[in-house]
């Protein structure tokens, strides 16, 4: 029996997260990401993006909530 092909819907790539200005952790991760891109290490660059997103969500979101 022949296999039926279904359409594949690809999403647009997600842009790199921006580091929070003045945050040493965000800055260090952004520099590591840039170095990984320069070296052609897309896996490490992606890992850095994940870490920036996690750090931003955990640290900087919590800081905004505590100020309110």
C-alpha atoms as a PDB file:
ATOM      1  CA  UNK A   1       0.000   0.000   0.000  1.00  0.00           C
ATOM      2  CA  UNK A   2       1.495   3.386  -0.957  1.00  0.00           C
ATOM      3  CA  UNK A   3       2.271   5.887   1.749  1.00  0.00           C
ATOM      4  CA  UNK A   4       0.304   9.085   1.731  1.00  0.00           C
ATOM      5  CA  UNK A   5       2.269  12.254   2.059  1.00  0.00           C
ATOM      6  CA  UNK A   6       0.960  15.068   4.164  1.00  0.00           C
ATOM      7  CA  UNK A   7       1.976  18.685   3.869  1.00  0.00           C
ATOM      8  CA  UNK A   8       4.655  19.868   6.239  1.00  0.00           C
ATOM      9  CA  UNK A   9       4.201  23.295   7.772  1.00  0.00           C
ATOM     10  CA  UNK A  10       7.473  24.907   8.732  1.00  0.00           C
ATOM     11  CA  UNK A  11       7.599  27.860  11.068  1.00  0.00           C
ATOM     12  CA  UNK A  12       9.764  30.910  10.670  1.00  0.00           C
ATOM     13  CA  UNK A  13      12.978  30.668  12.662  1.00  0.00           C
ATOM     14  CA  UNK A  14      12.811  32.327  16.052  1.00  0.00           C
ATOM     15  CA  UNK A  15      15.091  35.326  16.415  1.00  0.00           C
ATOM     16  CA  UNK A  16      17.878  35.336  18.964  1.00  0.00           C
ATOM     17  CA  UNK A  17      16.859  36.679  22.367  1.00  0.00           C
ATOM     18  CA  UNK A  18      18.298  40.057  23.278  1.00  0.00           C
ATOM     19  CA  UNK A  19      20.399  40.212  26.432  1.00  0.00           C
ATOM     20  CA  UNK A  20      19.141  42.560  29.133  1.00  0.00           C
ATOM     21  CA  UNK A  21      21.273  45.696  29.199  1.00  0.00           C
ATOM     22  CA  UNK A  22      23.536  45.867  32.228  1.00  0.00           C
ATOM     23  CA  UNK A  23      23.170  42.185  33.144  1.00  0.00           C
ATOM     24  CA  UNK A  24      26.535  40.428  33.353  1.00  0.00           C
ATOM     25  CA  UNK A  25      25.012  36.960  32.901  1.00  0.00           C
ATOM     26  CA  UNK A  26      23.056  37.982  29.802  1.00  0.00           C
ATOM     27  CA  UNK A  27      26.134  39.695  28.394  1.00  0.00           C
ATOM     28  CA  UNK A  28      28.363  36.677  28.970  1.00  0.00           C
ATOM     29  CA  UNK A  29      25.848  34.334  27.351  1.00  0.00           C
ATOM     30  CA  UNK A  30      25.478  36.674  24.372  1.00  0.00           C
ATOM     31  CA  UNK A  31      29.269  36.762  23.916  1.00  0.00           C
ATOM     32  CA  UNK A  32      29.416  32.957  24.099  1.00  0.00           C
ATOM     33  CA  UNK A  33      26.622  32.767  21.535  1.00  0.00           C
ATOM     34  CA  UNK A  34      28.434  35.147  19.188  1.00  0.00           C
ATOM     35  CA  UNK A  35      31.637  33.118  19.516  1.00  0.00           C
ATOM     36  CA  UNK A  36      29.701  29.930  18.780  1.00  0.00           C
ATOM     37  CA  UNK A  37      28.185  31.480  15.647  1.00  0.00           C
ATOM     38  CA  UNK A  38      31.640  32.637  14.547  1.00  0.00           C
ATOM     39  CA  UNK A  39      32.976  29.102  15.049  1.00  0.00           C
ATOM     40  CA  UNK A  40      30.034  27.596  13.161  1.00  0.00           C
ATOM     41  CA  UNK A  41      28.799  25.765  16.263  1.00  0.00           C
ATOM     42  CA  UNK A  42      25.046  26.135  15.846  1.00  0.00           C
ATOM     43  CA  UNK A  43      24.345  23.674  18.656  1.00  0.00           C
ATOM     44  CA  UNK A  44      26.219  25.769  21.202  1.00  0.00           C
ATOM     45  CA  UNK A  45      24.656  28.969  19.857  1.00  0.00           C
ATOM     46  CA  UNK A  46      21.216  27.411  20.332  1.00  0.00           C
ATOM     47  CA  UNK A  47      22.152  26.313  23.850  1.00  0.00           C
ATOM     48  CA  UNK A  48      23.159  29.890  24.664  1.00  0.00           C
ATOM     49  CA  UNK A  49      19.849  31.176  23.312  1.00  0.00           C
ATOM     50  CA  UNK A  50      17.984  28.730  25.543  1.00  0.00           C
ATOM     51  CA  UNK A  51      20.022  29.824  28.556  1.00  0.00           C
ATOM     52  CA  UNK A  52      19.406  33.511  27.825  1.00  0.00           C
ATOM     53  CA  UNK A  53      15.666  32.877  27.566  1.00  0.00           C
ATOM     54  CA  UNK A  54      15.599  30.851  30.791  1.00  0.00           C
ATOM     55  CA  UNK A  55      17.732  33.357  32.668  1.00  0.00           C
ATOM     56  CA  UNK A  56      15.647  36.286  31.436  1.00  0.00           C
ATOM     57  CA  UNK A  57      12.358  34.592  32.285  1.00  0.00           C
ATOM     58  CA  UNK A  58      13.526  33.485  35.720  1.00  0.00           C
ATOM     59  CA  UNK A  59      15.634  36.423  36.865  1.00  0.00           C
ATOM     60  CA  UNK A  60      14.443  39.510  35.069  1.00  0.00           C
ATOM     61  CA  UNK A  61      10.743  38.645  35.132  1.00  0.00           C
ATOM     62  CA  UNK A  62      11.000  37.994  38.878  1.00  0.00           C
ATOM     63  CA  UNK A  63      12.721  41.351  39.351  1.00  0.00           C
ATOM     64  CA  UNK A  64       9.924  43.168  37.514  1.00  0.00           C
ATOM     65  CA  UNK A  65       7.274  41.356  39.567  1.00  0.00           C
ATOM     66  CA  UNK A  66       8.907  42.259  42.876  1.00  0.00           C
ATOM     67  CA  UNK A  67       9.042  45.944  41.916  1.00  0.00           C
ATOM     68  CA  UNK A  68       5.312  46.167  41.227  1.00  0.00           C
END
